[in-house]
Structures are given as structure tokens and as C-alpha cells.
Amino acid sequence: MEKVINLLYDIEEKANRIISRTDEQKNAKRREIDHELSLFESSLTDETNKKIQFLQNQADKELELERKALIDDCAKQIEQLETTFTMNHDALLEHVFQNIIGA
């Protein structure tokens, strides 16, 4: 009977050691996964920030080109108005004068 009790005791000790090693392996795997997840999140954050910066730079360039195009267009329109005014100054003045006097 004592032999059976000793065998059961040995089995229980071995089972406890197996459980203990399994817990250690589980904890080690959990730390490894946490570390890999942290690296992945960091990499993803860096990549996302780079893409955001690229898109921001691209949008800034496009806005600058559009702004320059609008400035150029306005300058051309002003130049055309000045040219029209210079060329037709007398006729425009006469037209305004005639409208004032009611003719």
C-alpha cells in the first residue's frame, strides 16, 4: 500500500512540475507575443506617420501650384482690364458722360 502511495505522490510531483513548466512556457510565449506586438505597433505607427507626411507634402505642393495659378490668372485679368481701359479710355469716358447727361 505504501508503494502505491509513493507512486501516486511521484505522479503528483511530476504533474506539478509539468504544470509549472507549462506555466513558465506560457508566460515566456506571452512576453514574446507582447514584444512582437509592440514592435509591430511601433512599425505601423512609423509607417502611418510617413504616409501622412507624404500626403501632407503632396497636398501642400498641389495647393501652392493652385495658388500660383490663381495669382497668375488674376494678374492676367487685371492686365487685360488695364489694357482695355487704356485703349478705350476716351470711348468709355464718353459713354459714361452720355449716360450721365441722359443722351
PDB file of N, CA and C in Angstrom:
ATOM      1  N   MET A   1       0.809  -1.179   0.000  1.00  0.00           N
ATOM      2  CA  MET A   1       0.000   0.000   0.000  1.00  0.00           C
ATOM      3  C   MET A   1       0.866   1.261   0.000  1.00  0.00           C
ATOM      4  N   GLU A   2       1.940   1.200   0.759  1.00  0.00           N
ATOM      5  CA  GLU A   2       2.857   2.324   0.816  1.00  0.00           C
ATOM      6  C   GLU A   2       3.481   2.570  -0.550  1.00  0.00           C
ATOM      7  N   LYS A   3       3.710   1.517  -1.270  1.00  0.00           N
ATOM      8  CA  LYS A   3       4.285   1.613  -2.601  1.00  0.00           C
ATOM      9  C   LYS A   3       3.326   2.370  -3.520  1.00  0.00           C
ATOM     10  N   VAL A   4       2.058   2.102  -3.431  1.00  0.00           N
ATOM     11  CA  VAL A   4       1.050   2.769  -4.253  1.00  0.00           C
ATOM     12  C   VAL A   4       0.985   4.257  -3.887  1.00  0.00           C
ATOM     13  N   ILE A   5       1.038   4.533  -2.597  1.00  0.00           N
ATOM     14  CA  ILE A   5       1.010   5.932  -2.143  1.00  0.00           C
ATOM     15  C   ILE A   5       2.240   6.663  -2.660  1.00  0.00           C
ATOM     16  N   ASN A   6       3.402   6.024  -2.603  1.00  0.00           N
ATOM     17  CA  ASN A   6       4.633   6.641  -3.116  1.00  0.00           C
ATOM     18  C   ASN A   6       4.530   6.879  -4.618  1.00  0.00           C
ATOM     19  N   LEU A   7       3.972   5.928  -5.352  1.00  0.00           N
ATOM     20  CA  LEU A   7       3.798   6.104  -6.801  1.00  0.00           C
ATOM     21  C   LEU A   7       2.839   7.262  -7.085  1.00  0.00           C
ATOM     22  N   LEU A   8       1.753   7.315  -6.355  1.00  0.00           N
ATOM     23  CA  LEU A   8       0.809   8.426  -6.540  1.00  0.00           C
ATOM     24  C   LEU A   8       1.464   9.764  -6.210  1.00  0.00           C
ATOM     25  N   TYR A   9       2.280   9.790  -5.172  1.00  0.00           N
ATOM     26  CA  TYR A   9       2.996  11.001  -4.787  1.00  0.00           C
ATOM     27  C   TYR A   9       3.958  11.421  -5.899  1.00  0.00           C
ATOM     28  N   ASP A  10       4.700  10.444  -6.459  1.00  0.00           N
ATOM     29  CA  ASP A  10       5.629  10.730  -7.565  1.00  0.00           C
ATOM     30  C   ASP A  10       4.874  11.257  -8.780  1.00  0.00           C
ATOM     31  N   ILE A  11       3.739  10.657  -9.066  1.00  0.00           N
ATOM     32  CA  ILE A  11       2.926  11.100 -10.215  1.00  0.00           C
ATOM     33  C   ILE A  11       2.453  12.541  -9.989  1.00  0.00           C
ATOM     34  N   GLU A  12       2.018  12.829  -8.774  1.00  0.00           N
ATOM     35  CA  GLU A  12       1.551  14.181  -8.466  1.00  0.00           C
ATOM     36  C   GLU A  12       2.694  15.188  -8.577  1.00  0.00           C
ATOM     37  N   GLU A  13       3.874  14.849  -8.109  1.00  0.00           N
ATOM     38  CA  GLU A  13       5.028  15.745  -8.222  1.00  0.00           C
ATOM     39  C   GLU A  13       5.379  15.995  -9.689  1.00  0.00           C
ATOM     40  N   LYS A  14       5.391  14.933 -10.481  1.00  0.00           N
ATOM     41  CA  LYS A  14       5.681  15.088 -11.910  1.00  0.00           C
ATOM     42  C   LYS A  14       4.617  15.939 -12.590  1.00  0.00           C
ATOM     43  N   ALA A  15       3.367  15.720 -12.223  1.00  0.00           N
ATOM     44  CA  ALA A  15       2.282  16.518 -12.794  1.00  0.00           C
ATOM     45  C   ALA A  15       2.448  17.988 -12.418  1.00  0.00           C
ATOM     46  N   ASN A  16       2.820  18.254 -11.176  1.00  0.00           N
ATOM     47  CA  ASN A  16       3.044  19.641 -10.732  1.00  0.00           C
ATOM     48  C   ASN A  16       4.207  20.279 -11.469  1.00  0.00           C
ATOM     49  N   ARG A  17       5.271  19.518 -11.705  1.00  0.00           N
ATOM     50  CA  ARG A  17       6.422  20.050 -12.459  1.00  0.00           C
ATOM     51  C   ARG A  17       6.020  20.346 -13.899  1.00  0.00           C
ATOM     52  N   ILE A  18       5.221  19.449 -14.488  1.00  0.00           N
ATOM     53  CA  ILE A  18       4.758  19.672 -15.866  1.00  0.00           C
ATOM     54  C   ILE A  18       3.906  20.939 -15.924  1.00  0.00           C
ATOM     55  N   ILE A  19       3.020  21.086 -14.972  1.00  0.00           N
ATOM     56  CA  ILE A  19       2.161  22.278 -14.923  1.00  0.00           C
ATOM     57  C   ILE A  19       3.013  23.528 -14.728  1.00  0.00           C
ATOM     58  N   SER A  20       4.004  23.454 -13.862  1.00  0.00           N
ATOM     59  CA  SER A  20       4.885  24.587 -13.604  1.00  0.00           C
ATOM     60  C   SER A  20       5.652  24.974 -14.866  1.00  0.00           C
ATOM     61  N   ARG A  21       6.219  23.986 -15.567  1.00  0.00           N
ATOM     62  CA  ARG A  21       6.950  24.271 -16.818  1.00  0.00           C
ATOM     63  C   ARG A  21       6.013  24.837 -17.881  1.00  0.00           C
ATOM     64  N   THR A  22       4.811  24.293 -17.922  1.00  0.00           N
ATOM     65  CA  THR A  22       3.835  24.790 -18.891  1.00  0.00           C
ATOM     66  C   THR A  22       3.495  26.244 -18.606  1.00  0.00           C
ATOM     67  N   ASP A  23       3.323  26.583 -17.333  1.00  0.00           N
ATOM     68  CA  ASP A  23       3.060  27.978 -16.967  1.00  0.00           C
ATOM     69  C   ASP A  23       4.230  28.876 -17.343  1.00  0.00           C
ATOM     70  N   GLU A  24       5.458  28.412 -17.104  1.00  0.00           N
ATOM     71  CA  GLU A  24       6.647  29.188 -17.469  1.00  0.00           C
ATOM     72  C   GLU A  24       6.705  29.399 -18.975  1.00  0.00           C
ATOM     73  N   GLN A  25       6.428  28.335 -19.740  1.00  0.00           N
ATOM     74  CA  GLN A  25       6.448  28.442 -21.202  1.00  0.00           C
ATOM     75  C   GLN A  25       5.338  29.379 -21.685  1.00  0.00           C
ATOM     76  N   LYS A  26       4.179  29.281 -21.057  1.00  0.00           N
ATOM     77  CA  LYS A  26       3.060  30.144 -21.425  1.00  0.00           C
ATOM     78  C   LYS A  26       3.415  31.605 -21.158  1.00  0.00           C
ATOM     79  N   ASN A  27       4.015  31.874 -20.019  1.00  0.00           N
ATOM     80  CA  ASN A  27       4.409  33.249 -19.686  1.00  0.00           C
ATOM     81  C   ASN A  27       5.493  33.764 -20.628  1.00  0.00           C
ATOM     82  N   ALA A  28       6.440  32.903 -20.972  1.00  0.00           N
ATOM     83  CA  ALA A  28       7.505  33.293 -21.903  1.00  0.00           C
ATOM     84  C   ALA A  28       6.908  33.603 -23.272  1.00  0.00           C
ATOM     85  N   LYS A  29       5.968  32.784 -23.712  1.00  0.00           N
ATOM     86  CA  LYS A  29       5.318  32.999 -25.007  1.00  0.00           C
ATOM     87  C   LYS A  29       4.503  34.287 -24.982  1.00  0.00           C
ATOM     88  N   ARG A  30       3.843  34.544 -23.862  1.00  0.00           N
ATOM     89  CA  ARG A  30       3.066  35.770 -23.723  1.00  0.00           C
ATOM     90  C   ARG A  30       3.983  36.992 -23.815  1.00  0.00           C
ATOM     91  N   ARG A  31       5.149  36.949 -23.135  1.00  0.00           N
ATOM     92  CA  ARG A  31       6.106  38.061 -23.215  1.00  0.00           C
ATOM     93  C   ARG A  31       6.615  38.237 -24.646  1.00  0.00           C
ATOM     94  N   GLU A  32       6.879  37.132 -25.323  1.00  0.00           N
ATOM     95  CA  GLU A  32       7.351  37.185 -26.713  1.00  0.00           C
ATOM     96  C   GLU A  32       6.292  37.815 -27.616  1.00  0.00           C
ATOM     97  N   ILE A  33       5.053  37.399 -27.449  1.00  0.00           N
ATOM     98  CA  ILE A  33       3.965  37.954 -28.260  1.00  0.00           C
ATOM     99  C   ILE A  33       3.777  39.441 -27.958  1.00  0.00           C
ATOM    100  N   ASP A  34       3.833  39.801 -26.677  1.00  0.00           N
ATOM    101  CA  ASP A  34       3.707  41.219 -26.310  1.00  0.00           C
ATOM    102  C   ASP A  34       4.822  42.051 -26.936  1.00  0.00           C
ATOM    103  N   HIS A  35       6.037  41.514 -26.926  1.00  0.00           N
ATOM    104  CA  HIS A  35       7.168  42.219 -27.520  1.00  0.00           C
ATOM    105  C   HIS A  35       6.974  42.367 -29.034  1.00  0.00           C
ATOM    106  N   GLU A  36       6.578  41.293 -29.691  1.00  0.00           N
ATOM    107  CA  GLU A  36       6.351  41.351 -31.141  1.00  0.00           C
ATOM    108  C   GLU A  36       5.221  42.310 -31.476  1.00  0.00           C
ATOM    109  N   LEU A  37       4.176  42.305 -30.660  1.00  0.00           N
ATOM    110  CA  LEU A  37       3.065  43.223 -30.881  1.00  0.00           C
ATOM    111  C   LEU A  37       3.522  44.672 -30.712  1.00  0.00           C
ATOM    112  N   SER A  38       4.347  44.915 -29.722  1.00  0.00           N
ATOM    113  CA  SER A  38       4.875  46.258 -29.503  1.00  0.00           C
ATOM    114  C   SER A  38       5.717  46.713 -30.701  1.00  0.00           C
ATOM    115  N   LEU A  39       6.560  45.816 -31.210  1.00  0.00           N
ATOM    116  CA  LEU A  39       7.367  46.144 -32.389  1.00  0.00           C
ATOM    117  C   LEU A  39       6.481  46.423 -33.599  1.00  0.00           C
ATOM    118  N   PHE A  40       5.461  45.609 -33.775  1.00  0.00           N
ATOM    119  CA  PHE A  40       4.539  45.787 -34.906  1.00  0.00           C
ATOM    120  C   PHE A  40       3.815  47.124 -34.806  1.00  0.00           C
ATOM    121  N   GLU A  41       3.311  47.443 -33.610  1.00  0.00           N
ATOM    122  CA  GLU A  41       2.613  48.717 -33.421  1.00  0.00           C
ATOM    123  C   GLU A  41       3.536  49.893 -33.696  1.00  0.00           C
ATOM    124  N   SER A  42       4.769  49.791 -33.244  1.00  0.00           N
ATOM    125  CA  SER A  42       5.735  50.860 -33.480  1.00  0.00           C
ATOM    126  C   SER A  42       6.012  51.017 -34.969  1.00  0.00           C
ATOM    127  N   SER A  43       6.203  49.899 -35.641  1.00  0.00           N
ATOM    128  CA  SER A  43       6.457  49.922 -37.082  1.00  0.00           C
ATOM    129  C   SER A  43       5.257  50.495 -37.829  1.00  0.00           C
ATOM    130  N   LEU A  44       4.069  50.077 -37.435  1.00  0.00           N
ATOM    131  CA  LEU A  44       2.852  50.559 -38.084  1.00  0.00           C
ATOM    132  C   LEU A  44       2.675  52.056 -37.858  1.00  0.00           C
ATOM    133  N   THR A  45       2.966  52.511 -36.659  1.00  0.00           N
ATOM    134  CA  THR A  45       2.868  53.938 -36.361  1.00  0.00           C
ATOM    135  C   THR A  45       3.858  54.733 -37.206  1.00  0.00           C
ATOM    136  N   ASP A  46       5.085  54.256 -37.303  1.00  0.00           N
ATOM    137  CA  ASP A  46       6.091  54.943 -38.120  1.00  0.00           C
ATOM    138  C   ASP A  46       5.661  54.997 -39.585  1.00  0.00           C
ATOM    139  N   GLU A  47       5.187  53.876 -40.094  1.00  0.00           N
ATOM    140  CA  GLU A  47       4.758  53.812 -41.494  1.00  0.00           C
ATOM    141  C   GLU A  47       3.577  54.747 -41.741  1.00  0.00           C
ATOM    142  N   THR A  48       2.631  54.758 -40.815  1.00  0.00           N
ATOM    143  CA  THR A  48       1.464  55.633 -40.950  1.00  0.00           C
ATOM    144  C   THR A  48       1.883  57.095 -40.924  1.00  0.00           C
ATOM    145  N   ASN A  49       2.783  57.443 -40.019  1.00  0.00           N
ATOM    146  CA  ASN A  49       3.261  58.827 -39.942  1.00  0.00           C
ATOM    147  C   ASN A  49       3.987  59.240 -41.221  1.00  0.00           C
ATOM    148  N   LYS A  50       4.764  58.323 -41.789  1.00  0.00           N
ATOM    149  CA  LYS A  50       5.459  58.630 -43.046  1.00  0.00           C
ATOM    150  C   LYS A  50       4.455  58.865 -44.167  1.00  0.00           C
ATOM    151  N   LYS A  51       3.427  58.026 -44.235  1.00  0.00           N
ATOM    152  CA  LYS A  51       2.408  58.197 -45.275  1.00  0.00           C
ATOM    153  C   LYS A  51       1.649  59.506 -45.087  1.00  0.00           C
ATOM    154  N   ILE A  52       1.319  59.825 -43.845  1.00  0.00           N
ATOM    155  CA  ILE A  52       0.619  61.077 -43.569  1.00  0.00           C
ATOM    156  C   ILE A  52       1.491  62.262 -43.972  1.00  0.00           C
ATOM    157  N   GLN A  53       2.770  62.218 -43.647  1.00  0.00           N
ATOM    158  CA  GLN A  53       3.686  63.300 -44.012  1.00  0.00           C
ATOM    159  C   GLN A  53       3.793  63.437 -45.523  1.00  0.00           C
ATOM    160  N   PHE A  54       3.892  62.294 -46.221  1.00  0.00           N
ATOM    161  CA  PHE A  54       3.972  62.320 -47.685  1.00  0.00           C
ATOM    162  C   PHE A  54       2.720  62.955 -48.272  1.00  0.00           C
ATOM    163  N   LEU A  55       1.546  62.532 -47.785  1.00  0.00           N
ATOM    164  CA  LEU A  55       0.290  63.068 -48.299  1.00  0.00           C
ATOM    165  C   LEU A  55       0.153  64.552 -47.971  1.00  0.00           C
ATOM    166  N   GLN A  56       0.607  64.954 -46.794  1.00  0.00           N
ATOM    167  CA  GLN A  56       0.556  66.367 -46.419  1.00  0.00           C
ATOM    168  C   GLN A  56       1.450  67.202 -47.335  1.00  0.00           C
ATOM    169  N   ASN A  57       2.658  66.705 -47.606  1.00  0.00           N
ATOM    170  CA  ASN A  57       3.572  67.407 -48.511  1.00  0.00           C
ATOM    171  C   ASN A  57       2.985  67.507 -49.912  1.00  0.00           C
ATOM    172  N   GLN A  58       2.385  66.415 -50.372  1.00  0.00           N
ATOM    173  CA  GLN A  58       1.777  66.409 -51.695  1.00  0.00           C
ATOM    174  C   GLN A  58       0.628  67.416 -51.761  1.00  0.00           C
ATOM    175  N   ALA A  59      -0.215  67.434 -50.731  1.00  0.00           N
ATOM    176  CA  ALA A  59      -1.330  68.385 -50.698  1.00  0.00           C
ATOM    177  C   ALA A  59      -0.811  69.818 -50.656  1.00  0.00           C
ATOM    178  N   ASP A  60       0.247  70.063 -49.896  1.00  0.00           N
ATOM    179  CA  ASP A  60       0.835  71.408 -49.828  1.00  0.00           C
ATOM    180  C   ASP A  60       1.351  71.852 -51.196  1.00  0.00           C
ATOM    181  N   LYS A  61       2.019  70.944 -51.907  1.00  0.00           N
ATOM    182  CA  LYS A  61       2.527  71.280 -53.244  1.00  0.00           C
ATOM    183  C   LYS A  61       1.389  71.591 -54.200  1.00  0.00           C
ATOM    184  N   GLU A  62       0.325  70.768 -54.151  1.00  0.00           N
ATOM    185  CA  GLU A  62      -0.817  70.992 -55.035  1.00  0.00           C
ATOM    186  C   GLU A  62      -1.497  72.327 -54.720  1.00  0.00           C
ATOM    187  N   LEU A  63      -1.637  72.632 -53.442  1.00  0.00           N
ATOM    188  CA  LEU A  63      -2.252  73.907 -53.056  1.00  0.00           C
ATOM    189  C   LEU A  63      -1.390  75.089 -53.500  1.00  0.00           C
ATOM    190  N   GLU A  64      -0.087  74.940 -53.381  1.00  0.00           N
ATOM    191  CA  GLU A  64       0.815  76.015 -53.808  1.00  0.00           C
ATOM    192  C   GLU A  64       0.720  76.237 -55.318  1.00  0.00           C
ATOM    193  N   LEU A  65       0.659  75.150 -56.085  1.00  0.00           N
ATOM    194  CA  LEU A  65       0.514  75.277 -57.541  1.00  0.00           C
ATOM    195  C   LEU A  65      -0.813  75.937 -57.898  1.00  0.00           C
ATOM    196  N   GLU A  66      -1.872  75.533 -57.214  1.00  0.00           N
ATOM    197  CA  GLU A  66      -3.185  76.120 -57.468  1.00  0.00           C
ATOM    198  C   GLU A  66      -3.197  77.600 -57.095  1.00  0.00           C
ATOM    199  N   ARG A  67      -2.568  77.942 -55.982  1.00  0.00           N
ATOM    200  CA  ARG A  67      -2.483  79.337 -55.555  1.00  0.00           C
ATOM    201  C   ARG A  67      -1.743  80.181 -56.585  1.00  0.00           C
ATOM    202  N   LYS A  68      -0.620  79.648 -57.075  1.00  0.00           N
ATOM    203  CA  LYS A  68       0.154  80.374 -58.095  1.00  0.00           C
ATOM    204  C   LYS A  68      -0.658  80.543 -59.374  1.00  0.00           C
ATOM    205  N   ALA A  69      -1.408  79.494 -59.756  1.00  0.00           N
ATOM    206  CA  ALA A  69      -2.238  79.578 -60.958  1.00  0.00           C
ATOM    207  C   ALA A  69      -3.316  80.645 -60.788  1.00  0.00           C
ATOM    208  N   LEU A  70      -3.923  80.712 -59.617  1.00  0.00           N
ATOM    209  CA  LEU A  70      -4.944  81.736 -59.364  1.00  0.00           C
ATOM    210  C   LEU A  70      -4.341  83.137 -59.377  1.00  0.00           C
ATOM    211  N   ILE A  71      -3.165  83.291 -58.802  1.00  0.00           N
ATOM    212  CA  ILE A  71      -2.495  84.596 -58.799  1.00  0.00           C
ATOM    213  C   ILE A  71      -2.171  85.010 -60.235  1.00  0.00           C
ATOM    214  N   ASP A  72      -1.653  84.073 -61.021  1.00  0.00           N
ATOM    215  CA  ASP A  72      -1.335  84.372 -62.422  1.00  0.00           C
ATOM    216  C   ASP A  72      -2.591  84.749 -63.203  1.00  0.00           C
ATOM    217  N   ASP A  73      -3.689  84.015 -62.954  1.00  0.00           N
ATOM    218  CA  ASP A  73      -4.943  84.288 -63.652  1.00  0.00           C
ATOM    219  C   ASP A  73      -5.470  85.677 -63.282  1.00  0.00           C
ATOM    220  N   CYS A  74      -5.399  86.003 -62.001  1.00  0.00           N
ATOM    221  CA  CYS A  74      -5.852  87.331 -61.557  1.00  0.00           C
ATOM    222  C   CYS A  74      -4.981  88.431 -62.165  1.00  0.00           C
ATOM    223  N   ALA A  75      -3.688  88.195 -62.207  1.00  0.00           N
ATOM    224  CA  ALA A  75      -2.774  89.188 -62.782  1.00  0.00           C
ATOM    225  C   ALA A  75      -3.085  89.399 -64.264  1.00  0.00           C
ATOM    226  N   LYS A  76      -3.383  88.331 -64.982  1.00  0.00           N
ATOM    227  CA  LYS A  76      -3.735  88.455 -66.408  1.00  0.00           C
ATOM    228  C   LYS A  76      -5.035  89.225 -66.580  1.00  0.00           C
ATOM    229  N   GLN A  77      -6.015  88.933 -65.724  1.00  0.00           N
ATOM    230  CA  GLN A  77      -7.292  89.642 -65.823  1.00  0.00           C
ATOM    231  C   GLN A  77      -7.109  91.129 -65.526  1.00  0.00           C
ATOM    232  N   ILE A  78      -6.305  91.432 -64.529  1.00  0.00           N
ATOM    233  CA  ILE A  78      -6.036  92.849 -64.211  1.00  0.00           C
ATOM    234  C   ILE A  78      -5.334  93.524 -65.377  1.00  0.00           C
ATOM    235  N   GLU A  79      -4.371  92.837 -65.956  1.00  0.00           N
ATOM    236  CA  GLU A  79      -3.646  93.395 -67.106  1.00  0.00           C
ATOM    237  C   GLU A  79      -4.592  93.631 -68.280  1.00  0.00           C
ATOM    238  N   GLN A  80      -5.500  92.674 -68.521  1.00  0.00           N
ATOM    239  CA  GLN A  80      -6.466  92.840 -69.609  1.00  0.00           C
ATOM    240  C   GLN A  80      -7.393  94.026 -69.350  1.00  0.00           C
ATOM    241  N   LEU A  81      -7.827  94.175 -68.091  1.00  0.00           N
ATOM    242  CA  LEU A  81      -8.690  95.307 -67.749  1.00  0.00           C
ATOM    243  C   LEU A  81      -7.943  96.623 -67.929  1.00  0.00           C
ATOM    244  N   GLU A  82      -6.696  96.659 -67.520  1.00  0.00           N
ATOM    245  CA  GLU A  82      -5.902  97.878 -67.680  1.00  0.00           C
ATOM    246  C   GLU A  82      -5.686  98.195 -69.150  1.00  0.00           C
ATOM    247  N   THR A  83      -5.421  97.159 -69.943  1.00  0.00           N
ATOM    248  CA  THR A  83      -5.223  97.367 -71.381  1.00  0.00           C
ATOM    249  C   THR A  83      -6.510  97.871 -72.017  1.00  0.00           C
ATOM    250  N   THR A  84      -7.623  97.243 -71.662  1.00  0.00           N
ATOM    251  CA  THR A  84      -8.914  97.667 -72.209  1.00  0.00           C
ATOM    252  C   THR A  84      -9.206  99.113 -71.812  1.00  0.00           C
ATOM    253  N   PHE A  85      -8.932  99.431 -70.554  1.00  0.00           N
ATOM    254  CA  PHE A  85      -9.163 100.792 -70.084  1.00  0.00           C
ATOM    255  C   PHE A  85      -8.266 101.780 -70.829  1.00  0.00           C
ATOM    256  N   THR A  86      -6.999 101.423 -70.991  1.00  0.00           N
ATOM    257  CA  THR A  86      -6.057 102.322 -71.674  1.00  0.00           C
ATOM    258  C   THR A  86      -6.457 102.522 -73.123  1.00  0.00           C
ATOM    259  N   MET A  87      -6.840 101.455 -73.799  1.00  0.00           N
ATOM    260  CA  MET A  87      -7.180 101.545 -75.223  1.00  0.00           C
ATOM    261  C   MET A  87      -8.527 102.234 -75.443  1.00  0.00           C
ATOM    262  N   ASN A  88      -9.442 102.055 -74.527  1.00  0.00           N
ATOM    263  CA  ASN A  88     -10.799 102.575 -74.721  1.00  0.00           C
ATOM    264  C   ASN A  88     -11.152 103.670 -73.722  1.00  0.00           C
ATOM    265  N   HIS A  89     -10.149 104.307 -73.176  1.00  0.00           N
ATOM    266  CA  HIS A  89     -10.368 105.312 -72.142  1.00  0.00           C
ATOM    267  C   HIS A  89     -11.326 106.390 -72.605  1.00  0.00           C
ATOM    268  N   ASP A  90     -11.032 106.945 -73.760  1.00  0.00           N
ATOM    269  CA  ASP A  90     -11.856 108.049 -74.257  1.00  0.00           C
ATOM    270  C   ASP A  90     -13.272 107.595 -74.554  1.00  0.00           C
ATOM    271  N   ALA A  91     -13.426 106.419 -75.171  1.00  0.00           N
ATOM    272  CA  ALA A  91     -14.757 105.918 -75.505  1.00  0.00           C
ATOM    273  C   ALA A  91     -15.547 105.596 -74.238  1.00  0.00           C
ATOM    274  N   LEU A  92     -14.885 105.001 -73.264  1.00  0.00           N
ATOM    275  CA  LEU A  92     -15.565 104.691 -72.003  1.00  0.00           C
ATOM    276  C   LEU A  92     -15.991 105.967 -71.294  1.00  0.00           C
ATOM    277  N   LEU A  93     -15.104 106.943 -71.279  1.00  0.00           N
ATOM    278  CA  LEU A  93     -15.412 108.224 -70.646  1.00  0.00           C
ATOM    279  C   LEU A  93     -16.597 108.890 -71.337  1.00  0.00           C
ATOM    280  N   GLU A  94     -16.604 108.853 -72.659  1.00  0.00           N
ATOM    281  CA  GLU A  94     -17.709 109.439 -73.422  1.00  0.00           C
ATOM    282  C   GLU A  94     -19.011 108.697 -73.124  1.00  0.00           C
ATOM    283  N   HIS A  95     -18.945 107.376 -73.037  1.00  0.00           N
ATOM    284  CA  HIS A  95     -20.134 106.569 -72.756  1.00  0.00           C
ATOM    285  C   HIS A  95     -20.690 106.904 -71.368  1.00  0.00           C
ATOM    286  N   VAL A  96     -19.828 107.012 -70.369  1.00  0.00           N
ATOM    287  CA  VAL A  96     -20.261 107.371 -69.023  1.00  0.00           C
ATOM    288  C   VAL A  96     -20.854 108.781 -69.033  1.00  0.00           C
ATOM    289  N   PHE A  97     -20.194 109.692 -69.729  1.00  0.00           N
ATOM    290  CA  PHE A  97     -20.677 111.070 -69.794  1.00  0.00           C
ATOM    291  C   PHE A  97     -22.061 111.131 -70.429  1.00  0.00           C
ATOM    292  N   GLN A  98     -22.251 110.368 -71.500  1.00  0.00           N
ATOM    293  CA  GLN A  98     -23.552 110.340 -72.185  1.00  0.00           C
ATOM    294  C   GLN A  98     -24.628 109.730 -71.271  1.00  0.00           C
ATOM    295  N   ASN A  99     -24.272 108.738 -70.494  1.00  0.00           N
ATOM    296  CA  ASN A  99     -25.242 108.149 -69.567  1.00  0.00           C
ATOM    297  C   ASN A  99     -25.625 109.142 -68.474  1.00  0.00           C
ATOM    298  N   ILE A 100     -24.683 109.963 -68.075  1.00  0.00           N
ATOM    299  CA  ILE A 100     -24.949 110.944 -67.013  1.00  0.00           C
ATOM    300  C   ILE A 100     -25.887 112.035 -67.528  1.00  0.00           C
ATOM    301  N   ILE A 101     -25.602 112.488 -68.720  1.00  0.00           N
ATOM    302  CA  ILE A 101     -26.433 113.594 -69.226  1.00  0.00           C
ATOM    303  C   ILE A 101     -27.756 113.106 -69.820  1.00  0.00           C
ATOM    304  N   GLY A 102     -27.859 111.817 -69.938  1.00  0.00           N
ATOM    305  CA  GLY A 102     -29.138 111.247 -70.357  1.00  0.00           C
ATOM    306  C   GLY A 102     -29.327 111.169 -71.862  1.00  0.00           C
ATOM    307  N   ALA A 103     -28.301 111.144 -72.556  1.00  0.00           N
ATOM    308  CA  ALA A 103     -28.440 111.085 -74.011  1.00  0.00           C
ATOM    309  C   ALA A 103     -28.387 109.698 -74.544  1.00  0.00           C
TER     310      ALA A 103
END
